[in-house]
């Protein structure tokens, strides 16, 4: 693949994930205590939490309180351990900057080899680290509210969980100021909150040692602790702890789904609704399925001979551990969406595989919105351009996704997802975008396996038990190669558009149709009608369609996912 196209892809991702209303700070910092004189001279708004006073910033009718620690630093003996709630606040704090990003897994651009690849990968990661400084001491939370909100306002809360393939990401990638301003202008004000959580091996280490220690899915556990922080403290900002909606995109959306099925569906009153953009309960298996990645890190950090390898990993210098983690396959590696680090059944927080929990009804009974982009798989299929024949694709699918499936099962899958270019993704683009003979086919399979089929399976199992709404974004079909790619719907939600109005209304009323704003009437989803709110390019921006496309293929992918979870 031409390097120029890869660079354009990287730029597009950064644009989609970078906030548009707040410039990136020169450095990120955990809120620091300041002398009383500094607080007295500060002009920003203040909030009292416990015996601590936090000074934020204010602009255009919106107050921001950024980088508030909600947990003790997950370093030293607390590395690879369950998060511990922060001590009661005491003293004075500056809360005007986002906190550090948690340690990010290095991005490796595929199809770039030798010195050129080394230079480009180094440059990309250096730029990313400069924009989003990293530290293990990273568990912070951010609150953005209308300036008029007081402790008696009892406003609904929209809590954002960022995406990034469970490998990278930070609340600093987004800014909720415009969303809060929009909610005020609609007469339906909300408080926006974003939380940090550990990613990559730091948050999703897997293996038998991890399972035995009961420390699986630490990133999800971080989110859970942040949700408990909301219950304790959001009233001080004017929020109502009984009116929390959790919202995420990509890994953030999958996280929302995981919070809905955690503890066998007991959401502990931590939220009353969910919004998922490109993410559902995914076809993953037991946490021991990630053993090879654990073993690789243990070997690369010199812990192989330790009697307790997990304890050894807690003592390894950060730079040594980070280097070993960066050597793991990333989301842009040849393995693509078969990620090294992601939520898996740990027997405690997730008592079974996600889709089995859904099938067994272990889902929080709260209303939710869920949707996908039409071409979810294109972005993640750029790393497999060397697969050009059906035989090569069969081998890759078996080795990568379905090692326990029979060849006849894989052949059936390839019959349902043919090599006819006009049927591949980007869907509806005919013979265009076929940068290899198998690219559009691979994109169709990956997008449906991880996103589209998983969403439909989720809805099939729960839409009769709770209020649900679903959407499909087909905007961006003119983007070369990628089409309506993964994360493109953020332009219609986080950064303005009809979806943000729906989400604000849902946060206020648990119904995306109740209240003022843009968009057509959005019917509920049920298995008899399967109605989707579909967003389009052109003069007709929205329409209602049915969720029946590629039914045979998605049904078969779901069957394989249930039988052979990753």
Protein backbone atom coordinates (compact mmCIF):
# COMPACT_ATOMS: atom_id res chain seq x y z
CA UNK A 1 0.00 0.00 0.00
CA UNK A 2 1.43 3.44 -0.86
CA UNK A 3 2.87 5.18 2.18
CA UNK A 4 0.98 8.37 1.28
CA UNK A 5 -2.34 6.57 1.67
CA UNK A 6 -1.30 5.17 5.04
CA UNK A 7 -0.33 8.62 6.24
CA UNK A 8 -3.67 9.98 5.08
CA UNK A 9 -5.37 7.17 7.05
CA UNK A 10 -3.40 8.07 10.17
CA UNK A 11 -4.29 11.75 9.75
CA UNK A 12 -7.95 10.86 9.31
CA UNK A 13 -7.92 8.80 12.50
CA UNK A 14 -6.32 11.65 14.43
CA UNK A 15 -8.85 14.13 13.05
CA UNK A 16 -11.76 11.86 14.02
CA UNK A 17 -10.39 11.33 17.51
CA UNK A 18 -8.97 14.77 18.23
CA UNK A 19 -11.13 17.29 20.00
CA UNK A 20 -12.02 20.29 17.89
CA UNK A 21 -12.69 22.79 20.62
CA UNK A 22 -9.61 22.54 22.80
CA UNK A 23 -6.03 22.60 21.66
CA UNK A 24 -3.82 19.80 22.89
CA UNK A 25 -1.87 20.85 25.96
CA UNK A 26 1.87 21.18 25.74
CA UNK A 27 1.98 18.71 28.60
CA UNK A 28 -0.59 16.76 30.51
CA UNK A 29 -0.58 16.61 34.25
CA UNK A 30 -2.41 15.06 37.12
CA UNK A 31 -4.13 17.87 39.05
CA UNK A 32 -1.63 19.29 41.46
CA UNK A 33 -2.18 20.84 44.84
CA UNK A 34 -1.51 24.56 44.82
CA UNK A 35 -0.91 27.02 47.58
CA UNK A 36 -3.96 28.77 49.03
CA UNK A 37 -2.73 32.06 47.57
CA UNK A 38 -2.87 30.56 44.09
CA UNK A 39 -6.48 29.49 44.59
CA UNK A 40 -7.42 32.92 45.89
CA UNK A 41 -5.97 34.59 42.81
CA UNK A 42 -7.50 32.07 40.43
CA UNK A 43 -10.50 33.24 38.44
CA UNK A 44 -11.83 29.82 37.54
CA UNK A 45 -14.83 28.09 39.06
CA UNK A 46 -14.34 25.93 42.14
CA UNK A 47 -15.86 22.68 43.37
CA UNK A 48 -15.59 21.23 46.87
CA UNK A 49 -15.05 17.45 47.04
CA UNK A 50 -14.55 16.06 50.54
CA UNK A 51 -12.13 18.53 52.13
CA UNK A 52 -10.55 19.37 48.79
CA UNK A 53 -11.17 22.41 46.61
CA UNK A 54 -10.75 22.04 42.85
CA UNK A 55 -10.31 25.06 40.60
CA UNK A 56 -11.27 24.58 36.97
CA UNK A 57 -11.72 26.84 33.97
CA UNK A 58 -14.72 28.51 32.39
CA UNK A 59 -15.56 29.66 28.89
CA UNK A 60 -18.75 30.50 26.99
CA UNK A 61 -21.06 29.31 29.72
CA UNK A 62 -19.28 25.99 30.28
CA UNK A 63 -17.12 25.00 33.27
CA UNK A 64 -14.39 22.37 33.03
CA UNK A 65 -12.79 20.38 35.80
CA UNK A 66 -10.10 18.20 34.25
CA UNK A 67 -7.70 15.51 35.39
CA UNK A 68 -9.25 14.73 38.77
CA UNK A 69 -7.73 11.51 40.16
CA UNK A 70 -10.35 8.89 40.96
CA UNK A 71 -7.97 6.09 41.99
CA UNK A 72 -4.61 5.65 43.60
CA UNK A 73 -1.73 5.50 41.16
CA UNK A 74 -1.62 1.98 39.59
CA UNK A 75 2.15 1.79 39.94
CA UNK A 76 4.55 -0.34 41.94
CA UNK A 77 2.63 -3.05 43.78
CA UNK A 78 -0.59 -1.66 42.28
CA UNK A 79 0.60 -2.35 38.72
CA UNK A 80 -1.41 -5.29 37.34
CA UNK A 81 -3.75 -5.02 40.32
CA UNK A 82 -7.36 -4.00 40.83
CA UNK A 83 -7.82 -0.22 41.03
CA UNK A 84 -8.10 1.31 44.48
CA UNK A 85 -10.35 4.32 45.09
CA UNK A 86 -8.63 7.60 45.81
CA UNK A 87 -8.23 8.75 49.38
CA UNK A 88 -10.64 11.52 50.45
CA UNK A 89 -9.58 14.77 48.84
CA UNK A 90 -7.85 17.33 51.01
CA UNK A 91 -6.32 20.69 50.19
CA UNK A 92 -6.45 22.69 46.99
CA UNK A 93 -6.06 21.45 43.44
CA UNK A 94 -5.72 22.88 39.97
CA UNK A 95 -8.05 21.05 37.55
CA UNK A 96 -7.43 22.93 34.33
CA UNK A 97 -5.56 20.29 32.29
CA UNK A 98 -6.28 16.75 31.22
CA UNK A 99 -4.29 14.09 33.02
CA UNK A 100 -1.77 11.80 31.42
CA UNK A 101 -2.83 9.16 28.96
CA UNK A 102 -2.31 5.66 30.29
CA UNK A 103 0.62 3.83 28.65
CA UNK A 104 -0.17 3.47 24.97
CA UNK A 105 0.82 0.54 22.79
CA UNK A 106 3.00 1.67 19.92
CA UNK A 107 1.32 1.97 16.52
CA UNK A 108 3.04 -0.05 13.81
CA UNK A 109 2.01 0.83 10.26
CA UNK A 110 1.87 -2.32 8.14
CA UNK A 111 3.40 -2.76 4.71
CA UNK A 112 6.33 -0.54 5.62
CA UNK A 113 9.60 -2.40 6.03
CA UNK A 114 13.25 -1.65 6.59
CA UNK A 115 14.61 1.79 7.35
CA UNK A 116 11.62 3.61 5.88
CA UNK A 117 9.23 1.68 8.09
CA UNK A 118 11.36 2.30 11.16
CA UNK A 119 11.53 6.04 10.48
CA UNK A 120 7.80 6.44 9.78
CA UNK A 121 6.72 4.33 12.76
CA UNK A 122 9.09 6.20 15.04
CA UNK A 123 7.80 9.56 13.80
CA UNK A 124 4.14 8.60 14.16
CA UNK A 125 4.62 7.37 17.72
CA UNK A 126 6.72 10.38 18.71
CA UNK A 127 4.03 12.75 17.45
CA UNK A 128 1.31 10.78 19.21
CA UNK A 129 3.26 10.76 22.48
CA UNK A 130 3.85 14.49 22.23
CA UNK A 131 0.15 15.18 21.77
CA UNK A 132 -0.93 12.70 24.42
CA UNK A 133 1.82 12.39 27.09
CA UNK A 134 1.77 9.05 28.87
CA UNK A 135 2.29 7.82 32.42
CA UNK A 136 1.29 4.83 34.50
CA UNK A 137 -0.15 7.33 36.96
CA UNK A 138 -3.15 8.03 34.77
CA UNK A 139 -6.47 7.20 36.40
CA UNK A 140 -8.23 10.53 36.20
CA UNK A 141 -11.70 11.79 35.38
CA UNK A 142 -12.99 14.97 33.72
CA UNK A 143 -16.25 16.83 34.27
CA UNK A 144 -17.65 19.48 31.93
CA UNK A 145 -20.86 21.18 32.98
CA UNK A 146 -23.06 24.18 32.26
CA UNK A 147 -21.77 27.11 34.31
CA UNK A 148 -25.28 27.56 35.68
CA UNK A 149 -25.40 24.05 37.17
CA UNK A 150 -25.43 23.97 40.97
CA UNK A 151 -25.45 21.08 43.47
CA UNK A 152 -29.27 21.20 43.39
CA UNK A 153 -29.62 21.08 39.59
CA UNK A 154 -29.77 17.28 39.31
CA UNK A 155 -28.83 17.25 35.63
CA UNK A 156 -28.50 13.97 33.73
CA UNK A 157 -24.95 12.79 33.11
CA UNK A 158 -23.41 11.50 29.87
CA UNK A 159 -20.26 9.53 30.71
CA UNK A 160 -17.87 8.96 27.79
CA UNK A 161 -15.55 5.95 27.44
CA UNK A 162 -12.97 6.49 24.68
CA UNK A 163 -12.05 3.99 21.98
CA UNK A 164 -8.72 2.92 20.55
CA UNK A 165 -8.75 -0.85 20.16
CA UNK A 166 -8.02 -1.34 23.87
CA UNK A 167 -4.43 -0.42 22.92
CA UNK A 168 -4.39 3.35 22.98
CA UNK A 169 -6.59 6.35 23.60
CA UNK A 170 -7.22 9.06 26.14
CA UNK A 171 -10.05 11.37 27.25
CA UNK A 172 -7.78 14.12 25.93
CA UNK A 173 -8.69 13.01 22.41
CA UNK A 174 -12.14 14.50 22.89
CA UNK A 175 -13.67 17.56 24.45
CA UNK A 176 -17.28 17.67 25.55
CA UNK A 177 -17.63 21.45 25.57
CA UNK A 178 -19.61 21.69 22.34
CA UNK A 179 -21.87 18.85 23.44
CA UNK A 180 -22.68 20.57 26.73
CA UNK A 181 -23.27 23.86 24.91
CA UNK A 182 -25.58 22.10 22.45
CA UNK A 183 -27.53 20.48 25.29
CA UNK A 184 -28.08 23.89 26.87
CA UNK A 185 -29.25 25.39 23.58
CA UNK A 186 -31.77 22.53 23.20
CA UNK A 187 -33.15 23.22 26.65
CA UNK A 188 -32.00 19.77 27.77
CA UNK A 189 -28.74 20.42 29.63
CA UNK A 190 -26.45 17.54 30.51
CA UNK A 191 -23.20 17.14 32.37
CA UNK A 192 -20.46 15.51 30.33
CA UNK A 193 -17.89 13.28 31.97
CA UNK A 194 -14.96 11.32 30.57
CA UNK A 195 -12.83 8.73 32.31
CA UNK A 196 -9.41 7.28 31.77
CA UNK A 197 -8.66 3.56 32.00
CA UNK A 198 -5.65 1.32 31.52
CA UNK A 199 -5.20 -0.07 28.01
CA UNK A 200 -3.04 -2.65 26.27
CA UNK A 201 -1.25 -5.11 28.57
CA UNK A 202 -1.45 -2.65 31.46
CA UNK A 203 -5.24 -2.96 31.43
CA UNK A 204 -5.98 -6.23 29.66
CA UNK A 205 -3.18 -8.64 30.47
CA UNK A 206 -4.37 -12.21 29.92
CA UNK A 207 -3.29 -15.71 30.85
CA UNK A 208 -3.75 -18.38 33.49
CA UNK A 209 -1.67 -16.42 35.99
CA UNK A 210 -3.94 -13.41 35.55
CA UNK A 211 -7.06 -15.54 35.97
CA UNK A 212 -5.69 -17.22 39.07
CA UNK A 213 -4.88 -13.85 40.64
CA UNK A 214 -8.36 -12.50 39.88
CA UNK A 215 -7.04 -9.43 38.08
CA UNK A 216 -8.60 -9.85 34.66
CA UNK A 217 -10.00 -6.94 32.67
CA UNK A 218 -8.33 -4.23 34.75
CA UNK A 219 -9.30 -1.58 32.20
CA UNK A 220 -12.97 -2.46 32.67
CA UNK A 221 -12.43 -2.47 36.43
CA UNK A 222 -10.99 1.05 36.15
CA UNK A 223 -14.14 2.14 34.32
CA UNK A 224 -16.30 0.53 36.99
CA UNK A 225 -14.47 2.43 39.72
CA UNK A 226 -14.91 5.66 37.76
CA UNK A 227 -18.66 4.96 37.59
CA UNK A 228 -18.66 4.55 41.37
CA UNK A 229 -16.83 7.89 41.66
CA UNK A 230 -19.67 9.46 39.70
CA UNK A 231 -22.18 8.12 42.19
CA UNK A 232 -20.24 9.66 45.05
CA UNK A 233 -19.23 13.03 43.64
CA UNK A 234 -21.28 14.10 40.62
CA UNK A 235 -23.92 15.83 42.75
CA UNK A 236 -21.35 18.48 43.68
CA UNK A 237 -21.16 19.45 40.01
CA UNK A 238 -24.94 19.57 39.62
CA UNK A 239 -25.40 16.05 38.29
CA UNK A 240 -27.94 13.41 39.24
CA UNK A 241 -26.26 10.09 40.10
CA UNK A 242 -29.51 8.25 39.26
CA UNK A 243 -29.48 9.59 35.70
CA UNK A 244 -26.17 8.40 34.27
CA UNK A 245 -25.87 7.21 30.66
CA UNK A 246 -22.64 5.52 29.61
CA UNK A 247 -21.50 6.19 26.05
CA UNK A 248 -18.59 4.98 23.96
CA UNK A 249 -17.27 4.38 20.48
CA UNK A 250 -15.29 1.36 19.24
CA UNK A 251 -13.45 -0.08 22.26
CA UNK A 252 -15.45 2.43 24.30
CA UNK A 253 -18.70 1.01 22.92
CA UNK A 254 -17.53 -2.54 23.59
CA UNK A 255 -16.71 -1.33 27.11
CA UNK A 256 -20.27 -0.05 27.53
CA UNK A 257 -21.52 -3.48 26.46
CA UNK A 258 -19.12 -5.17 28.90
CA UNK A 259 -20.38 -2.98 31.74
CA UNK A 260 -23.90 -4.09 30.86
CA UNK A 261 -23.02 -7.80 31.17
CA UNK A 262 -20.49 -7.54 34.01
CA UNK A 263 -21.44 -9.20 37.28
CA UNK A 264 -23.99 -11.26 35.35
CA UNK A 265 -25.86 -8.14 34.34
CA UNK A 266 -25.95 -6.47 37.76
CA UNK A 267 -25.12 -2.86 36.97
CA UNK A 268 -25.28 -1.88 40.65
CA UNK A 269 -27.35 1.19 39.85
CA UNK A 270 -24.30 2.84 38.29
CA UNK A 271 -26.07 3.81 35.06
CA UNK A 272 -29.57 3.84 33.63
CA UNK A 273 -28.84 3.78 29.89
CA UNK A 274 -26.17 3.02 27.31
CA UNK A 275 -25.04 4.33 23.92
CA UNK A 276 -22.76 2.21 21.73
CA UNK A 277 -21.19 3.42 18.49
CA UNK A 278 -19.44 0.54 16.69
CA UNK A 279 -19.20 -1.90 19.55
CA UNK A 280 -21.23 -4.73 21.11
CA UNK A 281 -20.58 -7.90 23.14
CA UNK A 282 -17.90 -9.44 20.95
CA UNK A 283 -17.09 -13.11 20.18
CA UNK A 284 -14.15 -13.48 22.56
CA UNK A 285 -13.38 -16.45 24.81
CA UNK A 286 -11.63 -17.19 28.07
CA UNK A 287 -8.83 -15.02 29.40
CA UNK A 288 -6.43 -17.94 29.09
CA UNK A 289 -6.71 -17.55 25.32
CA UNK A 290 -4.20 -14.74 25.68
CA UNK A 291 -1.54 -16.91 27.29
CA UNK A 292 0.98 -16.57 24.48
CA UNK A 293 1.04 -12.80 24.87
CA UNK A 294 1.61 -13.09 28.62
CA UNK A 295 4.41 -15.58 28.08
CA UNK A 296 6.05 -13.31 25.50
CA UNK A 297 6.09 -10.33 27.87
CA UNK A 298 7.44 -12.47 30.71
CA UNK A 299 10.26 -13.68 28.47
CA UNK A 300 11.12 -10.24 27.10
CA UNK A 301 11.26 -8.65 30.55
CA UNK A 302 13.53 -11.30 32.05
CA UNK A 303 10.86 -12.71 34.37
CA UNK A 304 10.81 -16.25 32.99
CA UNK A 305 12.77 -17.76 35.88
CA UNK A 306 10.79 -15.98 38.58
CA UNK A 307 8.72 -18.18 40.89
CA UNK A 308 5.92 -15.61 40.61
CA UNK A 309 6.04 -14.06 37.15
CA UNK A 310 3.20 -11.66 37.87
CA UNK A 311 4.99 -10.22 40.88
CA UNK A 312 8.12 -9.97 38.78
CA UNK A 313 6.28 -7.94 36.14
CA UNK A 314 5.27 -5.47 38.83
CA UNK A 315 8.93 -4.75 39.59
CA UNK A 316 10.18 -4.45 36.00
CA UNK A 317 11.28 -0.93 35.04
CA UNK A 318 8.56 0.86 33.12
CA UNK A 319 10.70 1.35 30.02
CA UNK A 320 11.51 -2.38 29.89
CA UNK A 321 7.88 -3.38 30.27
CA UNK A 322 6.72 -0.80 27.75
CA UNK A 323 9.20 -2.09 25.16
CA UNK A 324 7.92 -5.64 25.64
CA UNK A 325 4.29 -4.52 25.33
CA UNK A 326 5.09 -2.57 22.18
CA UNK A 327 6.47 -5.74 20.63
CA UNK A 328 3.01 -7.35 20.89
CA UNK A 329 0.81 -7.42 17.79
CA UNK A 330 -1.21 -4.23 17.44
CA UNK A 331 -4.52 -3.50 15.79
CA UNK A 332 -2.68 -2.64 12.57
CA UNK A 333 -0.63 -5.83 12.61
CA UNK A 334 -1.27 -8.81 10.38
CA UNK A 335 -3.53 -10.30 13.09
CA UNK A 336 -5.75 -7.22 12.74
CA UNK A 337 -8.88 -7.45 14.91
CA UNK A 338 -7.69 -10.56 16.69
CA UNK A 339 -6.25 -8.35 19.38
CA UNK A 340 -3.64 -9.34 21.91
CA UNK A 341 -5.28 -7.30 24.66
CA UNK A 342 -9.04 -6.94 24.99
CA UNK A 343 -11.85 -7.95 27.36
CA UNK A 344 -12.11 -11.69 27.92
CA UNK A 345 -14.03 -13.96 30.29
CA UNK A 346 -12.15 -13.93 33.59
CA UNK A 347 -14.58 -15.90 35.76
CA UNK A 348 -15.16 -12.95 38.11
CA UNK A 349 -16.05 -9.66 36.43
CA UNK A 350 -17.07 -11.40 33.21
CA UNK A 351 -18.24 -14.79 34.43
CA UNK A 352 -18.62 -16.26 30.94
CA UNK A 353 -17.86 -15.27 27.37
CA UNK A 354 -19.71 -12.08 26.42
CA UNK A 355 -22.01 -13.61 23.84
CA UNK A 356 -22.90 -16.54 26.09
CA UNK A 357 -23.82 -14.05 28.82
CA UNK A 358 -26.06 -12.27 26.33
CA UNK A 359 -27.67 -15.53 25.22
CA UNK A 360 -28.30 -16.43 28.86
CA UNK A 361 -29.96 -13.10 29.61
CA UNK A 362 -27.22 -11.76 31.88
CA UNK A 363 -27.63 -8.20 30.62
CA UNK A 364 -28.47 -5.05 32.57
CA UNK A 365 -32.11 -4.21 31.83
CA UNK A 366 -31.54 -0.62 30.74
CA UNK A 367 -32.54 1.16 27.51
CA UNK A 368 -29.77 1.60 24.97
CA UNK A 369 -28.82 2.85 21.52
CA UNK A 370 -26.42 0.90 19.34
CA UNK A 371 -25.19 1.29 15.78
CA UNK A 372 -22.44 0.76 13.27
CA UNK A 373 -20.78 2.32 10.26
CA UNK A 374 -21.45 0.53 6.99
CA UNK A 375 -17.79 -0.27 6.27
CA UNK A 376 -16.44 -1.15 9.71
CA UNK A 377 -13.82 -3.57 8.38
CA UNK A 378 -11.99 -1.51 5.76
CA UNK A 379 -9.60 0.30 8.08
CA UNK A 380 -8.58 -2.96 9.74
CA UNK A 381 -7.98 -4.81 6.48
CA UNK A 382 -5.13 -2.63 5.27
CA UNK A 383 -2.67 -4.88 7.09
CA UNK A 384 -3.61 -7.96 5.04
CA UNK A 385 -2.92 -6.69 1.54
CA UNK A 386 -0.56 -9.58 0.89
CA UNK A 387 -3.57 -11.91 0.91
CA UNK A 388 -4.58 -12.01 -2.74
CA UNK A 389 -6.12 -15.46 -3.30
CA UNK A 390 -8.96 -17.47 -1.78
CA UNK A 391 -6.49 -20.13 -0.66
CA UNK A 392 -4.41 -17.56 1.23
CA UNK A 393 -7.54 -16.10 2.80
CA UNK A 394 -8.71 -19.54 3.92
CA UNK A 395 -5.36 -20.14 5.63
CA UNK A 396 -5.38 -16.72 7.29
CA UNK A 397 -8.91 -17.13 8.64
CA UNK A 398 -8.09 -20.55 10.02
CA UNK A 399 -4.80 -19.50 11.60
CA UNK A 400 -5.98 -16.15 12.86
CA UNK A 401 -9.64 -16.42 13.81
CA UNK A 402 -10.83 -20.02 13.64
CA UNK A 403 -8.00 -22.46 14.46
CA UNK A 404 -10.48 -24.98 15.87
CA UNK A 405 -12.97 -24.78 13.01
CA UNK A 406 -13.05 -27.37 10.25
CA UNK A 407 -12.04 -26.54 6.70
CA UNK A 408 -15.60 -27.20 5.60
CA UNK A 409 -16.86 -24.56 8.04
CA UNK A 410 -14.36 -22.03 6.73
CA UNK A 411 -15.27 -22.91 3.15
CA UNK A 412 -18.94 -22.32 3.99
CA UNK A 413 -18.01 -18.89 5.30
CA UNK A 414 -16.14 -18.11 2.09
CA UNK A 415 -19.15 -19.24 0.08
CA UNK A 416 -21.34 -16.77 1.93
CA UNK A 417 -18.74 -14.00 1.60
CA UNK A 418 -17.72 -14.46 -2.01
CA UNK A 419 -14.77 -13.00 -3.86
CA UNK A 420 -17.13 -11.02 -6.08
CA UNK A 421 -15.69 -7.55 -5.72
CA UNK A 422 -19.03 -5.77 -6.05
CA UNK A 423 -20.29 -7.53 -2.91
CA UNK A 424 -17.38 -6.50 -0.71
CA UNK A 425 -16.73 -3.52 1.55
CA UNK A 426 -16.90 -0.58 1.01
CA UNK A 427 -20.37 -1.90 0.26
CA UNK A 428 -22.30 -0.45 -2.63
CA UNK A 429 -19.25 0.82 -4.49
CA UNK A 430 -19.23 -1.75 -7.28
CA UNK A 431 -15.80 -2.57 -8.65
CA UNK A 432 -14.18 0.44 -6.98
CA UNK A 433 -11.80 0.28 -4.01
CA UNK A 434 -10.53 -3.23 -4.79
CA UNK A 435 -6.91 -2.46 -3.98
CA UNK A 436 -6.25 -6.22 -3.95
CA UNK A 437 -8.43 -9.09 -5.23
CA UNK A 438 -9.35 -10.02 -1.64
CA UNK A 439 -9.38 -6.65 0.17
CA UNK A 440 -13.11 -5.94 -0.05
CA UNK A 441 -13.92 -9.53 0.89
CA UNK A 442 -11.69 -9.44 3.96
CA UNK A 443 -13.16 -6.07 4.95
CA UNK A 444 -16.69 -7.46 4.69
CA UNK A 445 -15.87 -10.49 6.85
CA UNK A 446 -14.00 -8.58 9.54
CA UNK A 447 -16.53 -5.76 9.73
CA UNK A 448 -19.42 -8.17 10.11
CA UNK A 449 -17.69 -10.59 12.51
CA UNK A 450 -16.60 -8.02 15.07
CA UNK A 451 -19.18 -5.27 14.59
CA UNK A 452 -22.30 -5.80 12.51
CA UNK A 453 -23.14 -9.43 13.36
CA UNK A 454 -22.28 -8.83 17.03
CA UNK A 455 -24.69 -5.88 17.17
CA UNK A 456 -27.48 -7.82 15.50
CA UNK A 457 -26.96 -10.79 17.83
CA UNK A 458 -27.15 -8.45 20.83
CA UNK A 459 -30.40 -6.91 19.60
CA UNK A 460 -31.90 -10.29 18.70
CA UNK A 461 -31.47 -11.39 22.30
CA UNK A 462 -32.51 -8.29 24.25
CA UNK A 463 -34.72 -6.00 22.15
CA UNK A 464 -37.87 -7.79 23.37
CA UNK A 465 -36.86 -7.19 27.00
CA UNK A 466 -35.82 -3.53 27.01
CA UNK A 467 -36.15 -0.44 24.86
CA UNK A 468 -33.54 -0.36 22.12
CA UNK A 469 -32.79 1.80 19.10
CA UNK A 470 -30.27 1.05 16.36
CA UNK A 471 -28.62 3.00 13.55
CA UNK A 472 -26.42 2.54 10.50
CA UNK A 473 -24.10 5.25 9.18
CA UNK A 474 -23.49 5.16 5.44
CA UNK A 475 -21.92 8.60 5.29
CA UNK A 476 -18.51 8.93 3.71
CA UNK A 477 -18.97 6.44 0.89
CA UNK A 478 -16.83 8.66 -1.32
CA UNK A 479 -13.72 8.18 0.83
CA UNK A 480 -11.33 6.14 -1.34
CA UNK A 481 -10.67 2.55 -0.20
CA UNK A 482 -12.26 3.06 3.23
CA UNK A 483 -15.82 4.21 2.47
CA UNK A 484 -18.08 4.71 5.51
CA UNK A 485 -15.22 3.60 7.71
CA UNK A 486 -15.02 2.75 11.37
CA UNK A 487 -15.30 5.91 13.54
CA UNK A 488 -16.65 8.08 10.72
CA UNK A 489 -19.94 8.39 12.62
CA UNK A 490 -18.12 10.48 15.23
CA UNK A 491 -18.50 13.36 12.79
CA UNK A 492 -22.26 12.97 13.29
CA UNK A 493 -22.14 12.66 17.05
CA UNK A 494 -19.19 13.96 18.98
CA UNK A 495 -18.45 16.78 16.60
CA UNK A 496 -22.02 17.82 15.78
CA UNK A 497 -24.84 16.39 13.71
CA UNK A 498 -28.13 14.65 14.21
CA UNK A 499 -26.77 11.89 16.42
CA UNK A 500 -25.62 14.25 19.15
CA UNK A 501 -29.17 15.61 19.44
CA UNK A 502 -30.56 12.09 19.69
CA UNK A 503 -27.99 11.26 22.36
CA UNK A 504 -28.77 14.38 24.40
CA UNK A 505 -32.47 13.61 24.27
CA UNK A 506 -31.83 10.00 25.25
CA UNK A 507 -29.66 11.06 28.19
CA UNK A 508 -32.46 13.29 29.43
CA UNK A 509 -35.48 11.12 28.70
CA UNK A 510 -34.28 7.58 27.87
CA UNK A 511 -35.88 8.13 24.48
CA UNK A 512 -34.01 9.72 21.54
CA UNK A 513 -37.25 11.23 20.22
CA UNK A 514 -38.43 13.19 23.28
CA UNK A 515 -37.26 16.80 23.20
CA UNK A 516 -36.10 19.34 20.64
CA UNK A 517 -33.32 19.03 18.08
CA UNK A 518 -32.59 17.67 14.63
CA UNK A 519 -33.42 14.37 13.00
CA UNK A 520 -36.43 12.32 11.95
CA UNK A 521 -38.48 10.10 14.26
CA UNK A 522 -36.39 7.11 15.31
CA UNK A 523 -38.49 3.95 15.82
CA UNK A 524 -37.56 1.34 18.38
CA UNK A 525 -35.81 -1.81 17.24
CA UNK A 526 -37.59 -5.14 17.45
CA UNK A 527 -37.06 -8.45 15.70
CA UNK A 528 -40.32 -8.24 13.75
CA UNK A 529 -39.53 -4.97 11.95
CA UNK A 530 -35.75 -4.49 12.49
CA UNK A 531 -35.88 -0.77 11.78
CA UNK A 532 -32.64 1.22 11.53
CA UNK A 533 -32.14 4.96 11.57
CA UNK A 534 -29.84 5.19 8.53
CA UNK A 535 -27.63 8.21 7.83
CA UNK A 536 -26.76 8.92 4.20
CA UNK A 537 -24.71 11.20 2.01
CA UNK A 538 -26.52 13.61 -0.31
CA UNK A 539 -29.77 15.52 -0.20
CA UNK A 540 -31.65 12.96 1.91
CA UNK A 541 -29.53 12.74 5.06
CA UNK A 542 -31.65 10.21 6.93
CA UNK A 543 -34.07 7.40 6.23
CA UNK A 544 -35.44 4.33 7.96
CA UNK A 545 -34.20 0.99 6.60
CA UNK A 546 -34.39 -2.62 7.72
CA UNK A 547 -31.62 -4.58 9.41
CA UNK A 548 -31.76 -7.66 7.19
CA UNK A 549 -28.76 -7.18 4.90
CA UNK A 550 -26.26 -10.06 4.61
CA UNK A 551 -28.46 -12.12 6.92
CA UNK A 552 -27.10 -15.54 5.96
CA UNK A 553 -23.50 -14.39 6.27
CA UNK A 554 -23.97 -12.70 9.63
CA UNK A 555 -25.96 -15.61 11.04
CA UNK A 556 -23.12 -17.93 10.11
CA UNK A 557 -20.47 -15.64 11.56
CA UNK A 558 -22.46 -15.51 14.79
CA UNK A 559 -22.63 -19.30 14.87
CA UNK A 560 -18.87 -19.54 14.38
CA UNK A 561 -18.22 -16.88 17.00
CA UNK A 562 -20.31 -18.73 19.57
CA UNK A 563 -18.62 -22.03 18.77
CA UNK A 564 -15.05 -20.76 18.46
CA UNK A 565 -14.64 -17.49 20.42
CA UNK A 566 -11.30 -15.77 19.94
